[in-house]
C-alpha atoms as a PDB file:
ATOM      1  CA  MET A   1       0.000   0.000   0.000  1.00  0.00           C
ATOM      2  CA  LEU A   2       1.241   3.461  -0.855  1.00  0.00           C
ATOM      3  CA  ARG A   3      -0.268   6.559   0.760  1.00  0.00           C
ATOM      4  CA  LEU A   4       0.324   9.998  -0.750  1.00  0.00           C
ATOM      5  CA  GLU A   5      -0.951  12.920   1.305  1.00  0.00           C
ATOM      6  CA  HIS A   6      -1.599  16.566   0.470  1.00  0.00           C
ATOM      7  CA  ILE A   7      -1.445  16.144  -3.304  1.00  0.00           C
ATOM      8  CA  ALA A   8      -2.800  19.112  -5.248  1.00  0.00           C
ATOM      9  CA  GLY A   9      -5.689  18.209  -7.497  1.00  0.00           C
ATOM     10  CA  ASN A  10      -3.928  19.548 -10.596  1.00  0.00           C
ATOM     11  CA  GLU A  11      -0.964  17.212  -9.912  1.00  0.00           C
ATOM     12  CA  LEU A  12      -3.105  14.089 -10.265  1.00  0.00           C
ATOM     13  CA  PRO A  13      -3.380  12.305 -13.632  1.00  0.00           C
ATOM     14  CA  ALA A  14      -5.972  13.905 -15.902  1.00  0.00           C
ATOM     15  CA  ASP A  15      -8.219  10.829 -16.058  1.00  0.00           C
ATOM     16  CA  TRP A  16      -8.283  10.647 -12.227  1.00  0.00           C
ATOM     17  CA  GLN A  17      -9.205  14.321 -12.072  1.00  0.00           C
ATOM     18  CA  HIS A  18     -12.068  13.769 -14.489  1.00  0.00           C
ATOM     19  CA  ARG A  19     -13.393  10.552 -12.908  1.00  0.00           C
ATOM     20  CA  ALA A  20     -13.191  11.844  -9.317  1.00  0.00           C
ATOM     21  CA  HIS A  21     -14.387  15.409 -10.106  1.00  0.00           C
ATOM     22  CA  VAL A  22     -11.223  16.801  -8.540  1.00  0.00           C
ATOM     23  CA  LEU A  23     -10.834  20.517  -7.918  1.00  0.00           C
ATOM     24  CA  PRO A  24      -7.368  21.768  -8.959  1.00  0.00           C
ATOM     25  CA  CYS A  25      -6.894  23.985  -5.899  1.00  0.00           C
ATOM     26  CA  GLU A  26      -7.894  21.321  -3.320  1.00  0.00           C
ATOM     27  CA  ARG A  27      -5.463  18.910  -1.640  1.00  0.00           C
ATOM     28  CA  TYR A  28      -6.084  15.150  -1.622  1.00  0.00           C
ATOM     29  CA  THR A  29      -4.831  11.953  -0.014  1.00  0.00           C
ATOM     30  CA  VAL A  30      -4.324   9.109  -2.472  1.00  0.00           C
ATOM     31  CA  ILE A  31      -4.054   5.487  -1.351  1.00  0.00           C
ATOM     32  CA  LEU A  32      -2.731   3.024  -3.924  1.00  0.00           C
ATOM     33  CA  LEU A  33      -3.314  -0.688  -3.430  1.00  0.00           C
ATOM     34  CA  PRO A  34      -1.748  -3.515  -5.400  1.00  0.00           C
ATOM     35  CA  GLU A  35      -4.266  -5.239  -7.649  1.00  0.00           C
ATOM     36  CA  THR A  36      -4.298  -8.288  -5.389  1.00  0.00           C
ATOM     37  CA  GLN A  37      -5.631  -6.103  -2.567  1.00  0.00           C
ATOM     38  CA  ALA A  38      -7.945  -3.968  -4.680  1.00  0.00           C
ATOM     39  CA  ARG A  39     -11.628  -4.579  -4.178  1.00  0.00           C
ATOM     40  CA  ALA A  40     -12.634  -6.458  -7.293  1.00  0.00           C
ATOM     41  CA  LYS A  41     -16.168  -7.386  -8.233  1.00  0.00           C
ATOM     42  CA  PRO A  42     -16.759 -11.024  -7.450  1.00  0.00           C
ATOM     43  CA  CYS A  43     -16.975 -13.287 -10.483  1.00  0.00           C
ATOM     44  CA  LEU A  44     -20.475 -14.619 -10.916  1.00  0.00           C
ATOM     45  CA  LYS A  45     -21.259 -18.111 -12.123  1.00  0.00           C
ATOM     46  CA  ARG A  46     -23.239 -18.270 -15.343  1.00  0.00           C
ATOM     47  CA  SER A  47     -26.373 -19.175 -13.419  1.00  0.00           C
ATOM     48  CA  GLN A  48     -25.952 -16.012 -11.311  1.00  0.00           C
ATOM     49  CA  GLN A  49     -25.552 -13.631 -14.238  1.00  0.00           C
ATOM     50  CA  PRO A  50     -28.344 -11.013 -14.370  1.00  0.00           C
ATOM     51  CA  LEU A  51     -29.485 -12.035 -17.867  1.00  0.00           C
ATOM     52  CA  VAL A  52     -30.052 -15.694 -16.984  1.00  0.00           C
ATOM     53  CA  GLY A  53     -33.775 -16.337 -16.784  1.00  0.00           C
ATOM     54  CA  LEU A  54     -34.646 -13.010 -18.368  1.00  0.00           C
ATOM     55  CA  TRP A  55     -37.558 -14.502 -20.301  1.00  0.00           C
ATOM     56  CA  LYS A  56     -38.495 -17.317 -17.906  1.00  0.00           C
ATOM     57  CA  ASP A  57     -41.954 -15.856 -17.181  1.00  0.00           C
ATOM     58  CA  ARG A  58     -43.026 -15.465 -20.823  1.00  0.00           C
ATOM     59  CA  ALA A  59     -46.083 -17.594 -21.508  1.00  0.00           C
ATOM     60  CA  ASP A  60     -45.488 -17.571 -25.279  1.00  0.00           C
ATOM     61  CA  MET A  61     -42.108 -19.264 -24.746  1.00  0.00           C
ATOM     62  CA  SER A  62     -43.218 -22.132 -22.526  1.00  0.00           C
ATOM     63  CA  ASP A  63     -42.413 -24.555 -25.372  1.00  0.00           C
ATOM     64  CA  VAL A  64     -39.133 -23.210 -26.671  1.00  0.00           C
ATOM     65  CA  ALA A  65     -38.849 -25.563 -29.640  1.00  0.00           C
ATOM     66  CA  ALA A  66     -42.326 -24.622 -30.910  1.00  0.00           C
ATOM     67  CA  TYR A  67     -41.587 -20.932 -30.412  1.00  0.00           C
ATOM     68  CA  VAL A  68     -38.384 -21.149 -32.450  1.00  0.00           C
ATOM     69  CA  ARG A  69     -40.140 -23.164 -35.194  1.00  0.00           C
ATOM     70  CA  GLU A  70     -42.714 -20.360 -35.481  1.00  0.00           C
ATOM     71  CA  LEU A  71     -39.938 -17.764 -35.725  1.00  0.00           C
ATOM     72  CA  ARG A  72     -38.200 -19.714 -38.482  1.00  0.00           C
ATOM     73  CA  LYS A  73     -41.339 -20.666 -40.428  1.00  0.00           C
ATOM     74  CA  PRO A  74     -41.341 -17.576 -42.741  1.00  0.00           C
ATOM     75  CA  ARG A  75     -37.721 -18.206 -43.725  1.00  0.00           C
ATOM     76  CA  TYR A  76     -38.104 -21.836 -44.791  1.00  0.00           C
END
């Protein structure tokens, strides 16, 4: 861990200034963590992904094979 104190806002990298809405005349404390210590989003299993089950409550898709056949019918 690296801690930098009393850093002027205009001395920070430009993308940090933009993302953190830094004021150039203010002073900041910056704490840098190695990636192994950084708070990463937990990896979700496929079954836990937000899109899984998106259409599970659709009555018109209760029989998936029949639904897909109807979609493909005009093409064939």
